[in-house]
Amino acid sequence: MKNQNPRRSQSLNSDIISTLPLNIIEDILTRMPIRDALRTSVLSKRWRYTWRGMPKLTFKDDMIAMSSDIYYMLRKCKLVHAIFHVLLLHNGPETLVFKCSVFHLHMESDIALIISYLARRTKVKKLFFSSDDRSYKLPVSFFSLQGLEFVYLYNCTFEPPLTFNGFSSLTSIRIWNVDVSAQMLQQFLSKCPQLVNLRLVGCQKVLDFVAGENKFTFGDLLQCVPLIQTLDISKYYMKYLCAGGMPHKLPTSLVHLKNLFLNVCLVEQNEISSALCIIRSSPVLERINFLMSDNEKLPVQQTPTNFLDPEDYPDLKLDYLVKLEIENFSKLPLEMKFVKLIMAKSPLLKKVKIELNDNISVDEEMKMLKDMLRLPFLRASPCAELVIDRPLGFKKWRLRRV
């Protein structure tokens, strides 16, 4: 048998990239920095204009490299030029993921123009925007992106105009360090009827929930999102939302809520009550994750000896819960009682993971393990696994029988 012509073999191997299906090529391009994706135009005729159909565009301020901060304005101009160059030549599908992360260049007016262009020319379904300047106000054109399904905002000012009629397709929004008033947030959420995923993360000075007469409680928030499936509330949002108190149980059950992530301080009575109200009102919960707030600066409150005893909560049923996670666990009595309560009410529970606070010594950890073994845990699920871990994972204990 004669050997294959080496030139022909080399030609076939070198042109294999031109034979790839279009969806594979687009997937490869979306995994590259956009600067490298544009450079693939030189690979072959098939790849020359393929980048124009990329369904995902990601822009970062470090994509334009300059040798010195002296060239700050030149770098900024080059970045703006590059973004508009891509947008003007892009002729991709209507489904588009647009990401823009600007942490070192102040591009407020330029970003406004970019978003305005997107609102007129492209149907953006997913928008990610990150900035290092919280004083930057989202342009009014942002609220014209009617095809939005997912929004991630980091560091900006959020103020919907009076003419805003809502995002009818929005299913997920994540707000991180965004300046927004309670009234504005309530109005916005109430105009997003399809919202199923909500994450609110902020620092101490972000909100004005307790200022003036515009109080916004957990009850108000949950009325705005009747279809919610995943709810994630950070420390300061939790603090303000709980300020108005909570009923024993919500008037309308959260029949779609499956994943609950809360930053809770268990020495704050209103936070405990709010967390329990949400859990009690969510019949299909599958996962609960609590991040315990630091309690060192708060006074230790006196609570009844039978507080959180399973016998006192006959209406609490967690028939679908499979996983409970508690982070920053400090071995407080109420934390232990909360774990026992959930385990006693969850017949399908498979795993309980407790991540200890850094301040818990090894001796305290061993004592806690002995207490758990000595004191029987009333639990509905016979196969629930209890995992005790540390943040760095250097010591882990697994207990199948507690």
Protein backbone atom coordinates (compact mmCIF):
# COMPACT_ATOMS: atom_id res chain seq x y z
CA MET A 1 0.00 0.00 0.00
CA LYS A 2 1.45 3.31 -1.06
CA ASN A 3 1.89 6.10 1.44
CA GLN A 4 -0.59 8.97 1.26
CA ASN A 5 0.62 12.11 -0.45
CA PRO A 6 2.16 14.19 2.40
CA ARG A 7 1.16 17.47 0.76
CA ARG A 8 -2.45 16.37 0.49
CA SER A 9 -2.44 15.15 4.10
CA GLN A 10 -0.99 18.44 5.27
CA SER A 11 -3.60 20.37 3.30
CA LEU A 12 -6.43 18.36 4.83
CA ASN A 13 -5.11 18.82 8.36
CA SER A 14 -4.53 22.54 7.96
CA ASP A 15 -8.05 23.13 6.66
CA ILE A 16 -9.89 21.08 9.27
CA ILE A 17 -10.93 24.25 11.12
CA SER A 18 -12.89 25.33 8.04
CA THR A 19 -15.02 22.20 8.20
CA LEU A 20 -16.24 22.74 11.75
CA PRO A 21 -20.01 23.32 12.12
CA LEU A 22 -21.00 26.95 12.57
CA ASN A 23 -22.38 26.41 16.07
CA ILE A 24 -19.05 24.90 17.16
CA ILE A 25 -17.13 27.85 15.72
CA GLU A 26 -19.40 30.34 17.49
CA ASP A 27 -19.01 28.44 20.76
CA ILE A 28 -15.21 28.58 20.41
CA LEU A 29 -15.32 32.31 19.70
CA THR A 30 -17.50 33.11 22.72
CA ARG A 31 -14.95 31.42 25.00
CA MET A 32 -12.17 33.75 23.81
CA PRO A 33 -11.42 37.35 24.75
CA ILE A 34 -13.13 39.39 22.07
CA ARG A 35 -9.80 40.78 20.87
CA ASP A 36 -8.64 37.24 20.04
CA ALA A 37 -12.01 36.35 18.51
CA LEU A 38 -11.62 39.17 15.99
CA ARG A 39 -8.14 37.94 15.09
CA THR A 40 -9.53 34.58 13.97
CA SER A 41 -10.56 36.31 10.74
CA VAL A 42 -7.12 35.43 9.33
CA LEU A 43 -7.51 31.68 9.89
CA SER A 44 -9.55 30.93 6.79
CA LYS A 45 -12.27 32.30 4.53
CA ARG A 46 -14.87 30.42 6.60
CA TRP A 47 -13.74 32.18 9.79
CA ARG A 48 -13.27 35.65 8.29
CA TYR A 49 -16.65 37.05 9.23
CA THR A 50 -17.89 34.39 11.64
CA TRP A 51 -17.22 36.57 14.68
CA ARG A 52 -19.93 38.95 13.45
CA GLY A 53 -22.52 36.38 14.41
CA MET A 54 -21.25 35.77 17.94
CA PRO A 55 -24.23 35.50 20.32
CA LYS A 56 -22.12 36.79 23.21
CA LEU A 57 -20.04 39.97 23.41
CA THR A 58 -17.79 40.71 26.39
CA PHE A 59 -15.88 43.97 26.80
CA LYS A 60 -13.39 44.75 29.57
CA ASP A 61 -11.28 47.84 30.08
CA ASP A 62 -8.11 45.74 30.14
CA MET A 63 -8.63 44.62 26.54
CA ILE A 64 -6.79 47.79 25.52
CA ALA A 65 -3.26 47.64 26.93
CA MET A 66 -1.25 50.84 27.40
CA SER A 67 2.21 51.20 28.89
CA SER A 68 1.46 54.14 31.16
CA ASP A 69 -1.40 55.90 32.91
CA ILE A 70 -0.38 59.00 30.97
CA TYR A 71 -2.25 57.51 28.07
CA TYR A 72 -5.49 57.21 30.05
CA MET A 73 -7.59 59.23 27.58
CA LEU A 74 -6.07 57.45 24.59
CA ARG A 75 -6.82 54.08 26.14
CA LYS A 76 -10.38 55.14 26.84
CA CYS A 77 -10.88 56.37 23.28
CA LYS A 78 -9.48 53.15 21.86
CA LEU A 79 -11.80 51.06 24.00
CA VAL A 80 -14.87 53.06 22.98
CA HIS A 81 -13.81 52.84 19.35
CA ALA A 82 -13.32 49.07 19.64
CA ILE A 83 -16.76 48.55 21.21
CA PHE A 84 -18.59 50.56 18.54
CA HIS A 85 -16.50 48.92 15.80
CA VAL A 86 -17.72 45.50 16.94
CA LEU A 87 -21.33 46.62 17.42
CA LEU A 88 -21.54 48.30 14.03
CA LEU A 89 -20.23 45.22 12.19
CA HIS A 90 -22.07 42.70 14.32
CA ASN A 91 -24.98 41.09 12.52
CA GLY A 92 -25.65 38.20 14.85
CA PRO A 93 -28.94 36.73 15.99
CA GLU A 94 -31.43 38.58 18.11
CA THR A 95 -30.43 36.55 21.16
CA LEU A 96 -27.39 38.38 22.50
CA VAL A 97 -25.45 38.32 25.77
CA PHE A 98 -23.75 41.66 26.37
CA LYS A 99 -21.13 42.05 29.12
CA CYS A 100 -19.31 45.26 29.97
CA SER A 101 -16.90 45.53 32.91
CA VAL A 102 -15.30 48.95 33.38
CA PHE A 103 -13.29 49.30 36.59
CA HIS A 104 -10.45 51.63 35.65
CA LEU A 105 -11.90 53.98 33.04
CA HIS A 106 -14.72 56.45 33.63
CA MET A 107 -16.99 55.91 30.65
CA GLU A 108 -20.35 57.13 31.91
CA SER A 109 -21.37 59.07 28.82
CA ASP A 110 -19.92 56.44 26.49
CA ILE A 111 -21.78 53.60 28.21
CA ALA A 112 -24.99 55.60 27.85
CA LEU A 113 -24.42 55.79 24.09
CA ILE A 114 -23.61 52.08 23.89
CA ILE A 115 -26.77 51.04 25.76
CA SER A 116 -28.81 53.47 23.66
CA TYR A 117 -27.41 51.81 20.52
CA LEU A 118 -28.27 48.36 21.86
CA ALA A 119 -31.82 49.46 22.64
CA ARG A 120 -32.33 50.59 19.03
CA ARG A 121 -30.53 47.89 17.06
CA THR A 122 -30.29 44.64 19.00
CA LYS A 123 -32.51 42.44 21.11
CA VAL A 124 -30.37 41.84 24.18
CA LYS A 125 -31.56 39.03 26.43
CA LYS A 126 -28.74 39.02 28.99
CA LEU A 127 -26.98 42.16 30.20
CA PHE A 128 -24.03 42.27 32.63
CA PHE A 129 -22.77 45.69 33.71
CA SER A 130 -19.98 46.33 36.23
CA SER A 131 -18.36 49.62 37.18
CA ASP A 132 -16.09 51.00 39.91
CA ASP A 133 -18.13 54.18 40.29
CA ARG A 134 -21.42 53.89 42.20
CA SER A 135 -22.29 57.47 41.30
CA TYR A 136 -22.79 56.35 37.70
CA LYS A 137 -26.49 56.42 36.88
CA LEU A 138 -27.89 53.90 34.45
CA PRO A 139 -29.14 55.73 31.35
CA VAL A 140 -32.86 55.88 30.61
CA SER A 141 -32.20 53.83 27.45
CA PHE A 142 -31.44 50.81 29.68
CA PHE A 143 -35.14 50.62 30.54
CA SER A 144 -35.96 50.36 26.82
CA LEU A 145 -34.27 46.96 26.48
CA GLN A 146 -37.60 45.16 26.41
CA GLY A 147 -36.17 41.76 25.49
CA LEU A 148 -34.14 41.44 28.70
CA GLU A 149 -34.38 38.12 30.52
CA PHE A 150 -31.32 38.34 32.80
CA VAL A 151 -29.73 41.45 34.36
CA TYR A 152 -26.60 41.73 36.51
CA LEU A 153 -25.74 45.17 37.86
CA TYR A 154 -22.70 46.02 39.97
CA ASN A 155 -21.91 49.52 41.29
CA CYS A 156 -24.28 52.01 39.75
CA THR A 157 -27.35 54.11 40.53
CA PHE A 158 -30.66 52.57 39.58
CA GLU A 159 -33.64 54.85 38.99
CA PRO A 160 -36.41 53.77 36.58
CA PRO A 161 -38.14 56.69 34.82
CA LEU A 162 -41.81 57.44 35.38
CA THR A 163 -42.54 56.16 31.87
CA PHE A 164 -41.08 52.71 32.62
CA ASN A 165 -43.69 50.03 31.94
CA GLY A 166 -41.66 47.08 33.14
CA PHE A 167 -39.67 44.18 31.67
CA SER A 168 -42.26 41.61 30.67
CA SER A 169 -39.63 38.92 29.91
CA LEU A 170 -37.22 39.47 32.81
CA THR A 171 -36.78 36.28 34.85
CA SER A 172 -33.57 36.98 36.78
CA ILE A 173 -31.95 40.06 38.29
CA ARG A 174 -28.86 40.37 40.49
CA ILE A 175 -28.15 43.70 42.15
CA TRP A 176 -24.77 44.17 43.82
CA ASN A 177 -23.85 47.46 45.55
CA VAL A 178 -26.43 49.38 43.55
CA ASP A 179 -27.83 52.64 44.88
CA VAL A 180 -31.59 52.25 44.78
CA SER A 181 -34.34 53.56 47.00
CA ALA A 182 -36.92 51.30 48.56
CA GLN A 183 -39.70 52.96 46.59
CA MET A 184 -37.84 52.58 43.29
CA LEU A 185 -37.02 48.94 43.93
CA GLN A 186 -40.61 48.14 44.83
CA GLN A 187 -41.94 49.85 41.71
CA PHE A 188 -39.42 48.09 39.51
CA LEU A 189 -40.03 44.59 40.88
CA SER A 190 -43.79 45.01 40.69
CA LYS A 191 -43.42 45.63 36.93
CA CYS A 192 -41.45 42.43 36.27
CA PRO A 193 -44.20 39.78 36.48
CA GLN A 194 -42.04 36.85 35.28
CA LEU A 195 -39.27 37.24 37.84
CA VAL A 196 -38.14 33.88 39.28
CA ASN A 197 -34.59 34.66 40.44
CA LEU A 198 -33.78 37.64 42.70
CA ARG A 199 -30.47 38.43 44.35
CA LEU A 200 -29.98 41.58 46.45
CA VAL A 201 -26.46 42.25 47.71
CA GLY A 202 -25.41 45.60 49.10
CA CYS A 203 -23.31 47.45 51.63
CA GLN A 204 -24.47 49.47 54.62
CA LYS A 205 -25.03 52.80 52.84
CA VAL A 206 -26.87 51.50 49.80
CA LEU A 207 -30.47 51.60 50.95
CA ASP A 208 -32.92 53.99 52.52
CA PHE A 209 -35.52 51.37 53.46
CA VAL A 210 -36.13 52.84 56.89
CA ALA A 211 -35.95 56.48 55.90
CA GLY A 212 -39.09 58.59 55.90
CA GLU A 213 -42.43 56.97 55.20
CA ASN A 214 -41.31 54.72 52.34
CA LYS A 215 -40.80 51.56 54.38
CA PHE A 216 -40.36 48.38 52.40
CA THR A 217 -40.69 45.10 54.31
CA PHE A 218 -40.13 41.48 53.40
CA GLY A 219 -43.88 41.13 53.04
CA ASP A 220 -43.94 43.94 50.47
CA LEU A 221 -40.99 42.45 48.59
CA LEU A 222 -42.48 38.97 48.36
CA GLN A 223 -45.82 40.30 47.12
CA CYS A 224 -43.93 41.77 44.14
CA VAL A 225 -42.44 38.41 43.11
CA PRO A 226 -45.20 35.75 43.28
CA LEU A 227 -43.34 33.41 40.88
CA ILE A 228 -40.02 33.56 42.74
CA GLN A 229 -38.02 30.30 42.70
CA THR A 230 -34.62 31.48 44.01
CA LEU A 231 -34.29 34.24 46.62
CA ASP A 232 -30.89 35.51 47.80
CA ILE A 233 -30.78 38.35 50.38
CA SER A 234 -27.54 39.72 51.86
CA LYS A 235 -26.84 41.20 55.30
CA TYR A 236 -27.95 44.82 54.98
CA TYR A 237 -30.93 44.11 52.75
CA MET A 238 -31.97 41.55 55.35
CA LYS A 239 -31.63 44.13 58.10
CA TYR A 240 -33.81 46.72 56.38
CA LEU A 241 -36.41 44.31 55.02
CA CYS A 242 -36.93 42.83 58.49
CA ALA A 243 -37.30 46.24 60.17
CA GLY A 244 -41.04 46.35 59.53
CA GLY A 245 -41.67 42.96 61.08
CA MET A 246 -43.26 39.83 59.61
CA PRO A 247 -46.48 37.92 60.24
CA HIS A 248 -46.50 34.35 61.49
CA LYS A 249 -47.19 33.24 57.93
CA LEU A 250 -47.58 35.08 54.65
CA PRO A 251 -51.18 35.52 53.43
CA THR A 252 -50.16 33.99 50.09
CA SER A 253 -47.78 31.02 50.02
CA LEU A 254 -44.59 31.10 47.96
CA VAL A 255 -45.59 28.02 46.01
CA HIS A 256 -42.65 28.25 43.58
CA LEU A 257 -39.77 29.04 45.95
CA LYS A 258 -37.19 26.23 45.85
CA ASN A 259 -33.88 27.87 46.83
CA LEU A 260 -33.51 30.24 49.79
CA PHE A 261 -30.24 32.06 50.61
CA LEU A 262 -30.32 34.42 53.58
CA ASN A 263 -27.70 36.28 55.60
CA VAL A 264 -29.18 35.97 59.09
CA CYS A 265 -28.27 37.17 62.56
CA LEU A 266 -29.88 34.71 64.97
CA VAL A 267 -29.67 37.07 67.95
CA GLU A 268 -31.99 39.49 66.14
CA GLN A 269 -35.56 38.44 66.88
CA ASN A 270 -37.04 40.11 63.80
CA GLU A 271 -34.55 38.33 61.51
CA ILE A 272 -35.33 34.94 63.05
CA SER A 273 -39.07 35.59 62.71
CA SER A 274 -38.72 36.74 59.10
CA ALA A 275 -36.62 33.73 58.13
CA LEU A 276 -39.09 31.33 59.76
CA CYS A 277 -42.04 33.08 58.12
CA ILE A 278 -40.49 32.63 54.67
CA ILE A 279 -39.65 28.98 55.37
CA ARG A 280 -43.12 28.29 56.78
CA SER A 281 -44.72 29.93 53.72
CA SER A 282 -42.64 27.97 51.16
CA PRO A 283 -44.10 24.46 50.82
CA VAL A 284 -41.75 23.27 48.03
CA LEU A 285 -38.38 24.43 49.38
CA GLU A 286 -35.53 22.18 48.24
CA ARG A 287 -32.50 24.04 49.55
CA ILE A 288 -31.83 26.42 52.44
CA ASN A 289 -28.53 28.26 52.82
CA PHE A 290 -27.94 30.54 55.82
CA LEU A 291 -24.87 32.73 56.18
CA MET A 292 -24.73 33.69 59.85
CA SER A 293 -23.90 37.35 60.46
CA ASP A 294 -21.15 38.21 62.92
CA ASN A 295 -22.69 38.64 66.33
CA GLU A 296 -19.75 40.05 68.33
CA LYS A 297 -21.03 43.64 68.43
CA LEU A 298 -24.60 42.72 69.23
CA PRO A 299 -25.94 42.14 72.75
CA VAL A 300 -26.90 38.57 73.53
CA GLN A 301 -30.68 38.50 73.85
CA GLN A 302 -32.52 36.32 76.32
CA THR A 303 -34.78 33.77 74.65
CA PRO A 304 -37.13 31.15 76.11
CA THR A 305 -35.55 27.75 76.76
CA ASN A 306 -38.01 26.09 74.38
CA PHE A 307 -37.51 28.59 71.54
CA LEU A 308 -37.27 26.80 68.15
CA ASP A 309 -38.28 23.46 69.65
CA PRO A 310 -39.83 21.28 66.91
CA GLU A 311 -42.95 20.64 69.02
CA ASP A 312 -43.82 24.34 68.86
CA TYR A 313 -44.01 24.38 65.06
CA PRO A 314 -46.69 21.86 64.05
CA ASP A 315 -47.47 23.82 60.86
CA LEU A 316 -43.85 23.77 59.61
CA LYS A 317 -43.54 21.15 56.88
CA LEU A 318 -40.51 20.82 54.62
CA ASP A 319 -41.54 17.81 52.57
CA TYR A 320 -39.23 18.65 49.64
CA LEU A 321 -36.11 19.93 51.41
CA VAL A 322 -32.99 17.94 50.49
CA LYS A 323 -30.13 20.23 51.52
CA LEU A 324 -29.40 22.61 54.40
CA GLU A 325 -26.19 24.66 54.54
CA ILE A 326 -25.08 27.01 57.29
CA GLU A 327 -21.94 29.12 56.89
CA ASN A 328 -20.04 31.01 59.58
CA PHE A 329 -21.52 28.76 62.27
CA SER A 330 -20.59 30.04 65.76
CA LYS A 331 -22.03 27.23 67.90
CA LEU A 332 -24.65 29.49 69.43
CA PRO A 333 -27.54 27.65 71.12
CA LEU A 334 -30.05 29.16 68.68
CA GLU A 335 -28.00 27.94 65.73
CA MET A 336 -28.01 24.42 67.12
CA LYS A 337 -31.75 24.63 67.74
CA PHE A 338 -32.36 25.84 64.21
CA VAL A 339 -30.49 22.84 62.77
CA LYS A 340 -32.50 20.48 64.96
CA LEU A 341 -35.76 22.14 63.94
CA ILE A 342 -35.08 21.80 60.21
CA MET A 343 -33.89 18.19 60.56
CA ALA A 344 -37.04 17.30 62.47
CA LYS A 345 -39.31 18.73 59.76
CA SER A 346 -37.61 17.44 56.59
CA PRO A 347 -38.41 13.80 55.70
CA LEU A 348 -36.39 13.88 52.43
CA LEU A 349 -33.34 15.70 53.80
CA LYS A 350 -30.13 14.23 52.40
CA LYS A 351 -27.35 16.54 53.57
CA VAL A 352 -26.72 19.13 56.28
CA LYS A 353 -23.45 21.01 55.85
CA ILE A 354 -22.16 23.26 58.62
CA GLU A 355 -19.15 25.48 57.94
CA LEU A 356 -17.62 26.70 61.17
CA ASN A 357 -16.60 30.22 62.06
CA ASP A 358 -12.85 30.85 62.05
CA ASN A 359 -13.01 31.65 65.77
CA ILE A 360 -14.15 28.14 66.68
CA SER A 361 -11.14 26.29 68.10
CA VAL A 362 -10.46 22.62 67.49
CA ASP A 363 -11.33 21.88 71.14
CA GLU A 364 -14.68 23.65 70.77
CA GLU A 365 -15.29 21.76 67.56
CA MET A 366 -14.66 18.42 69.28
CA LYS A 367 -16.95 19.41 72.15
CA MET A 368 -19.69 20.30 69.68
CA LEU A 369 -19.31 16.91 68.01
CA LYS A 370 -19.60 15.16 71.36
CA ASP A 371 -22.70 17.15 72.20
CA MET A 372 -24.27 16.19 68.88
CA LEU A 373 -23.52 12.54 69.51
CA ARG A 374 -24.70 12.69 73.12
CA LEU A 375 -27.92 14.59 72.50
CA PRO A 376 -30.27 12.83 70.09
CA PHE A 377 -31.42 14.85 67.08
CA LEU A 378 -35.07 14.30 66.32
CA ARG A 379 -35.05 14.00 62.58
CA ALA A 380 -37.58 13.00 59.98
CA SER A 381 -35.05 11.65 57.46
CA PRO A 382 -33.16 8.52 58.57
CA CYS A 383 -30.46 8.93 55.90
CA ALA A 384 -29.59 12.61 56.43
CA GLU A 385 -25.83 13.21 56.48
CA LEU A 386 -24.31 15.88 58.69
CA VAL A 387 -21.04 17.40 57.46
CA ILE A 388 -19.02 19.75 59.67
CA ASP A 389 -16.32 21.68 57.87
CA ARG A 390 -14.04 24.69 58.12
CA PRO A 391 -13.62 27.42 55.47
CA LEU A 392 -10.23 26.06 54.41
CA GLY A 393 -11.41 22.49 54.60
CA PHE A 394 -8.47 21.20 56.65
CA LYS A 395 -10.77 19.29 58.98
CA LYS A 396 -14.03 17.67 58.04
CA TRP A 397 -16.36 15.40 59.95
CA ARG A 398 -19.18 13.33 58.51
CA LEU A 399 -21.85 11.94 60.80
CA ARG A 400 -24.54 9.70 59.40
CA ARG A 401 -26.09 9.00 62.76
CA VAL A 402 -26.55 11.95 65.12
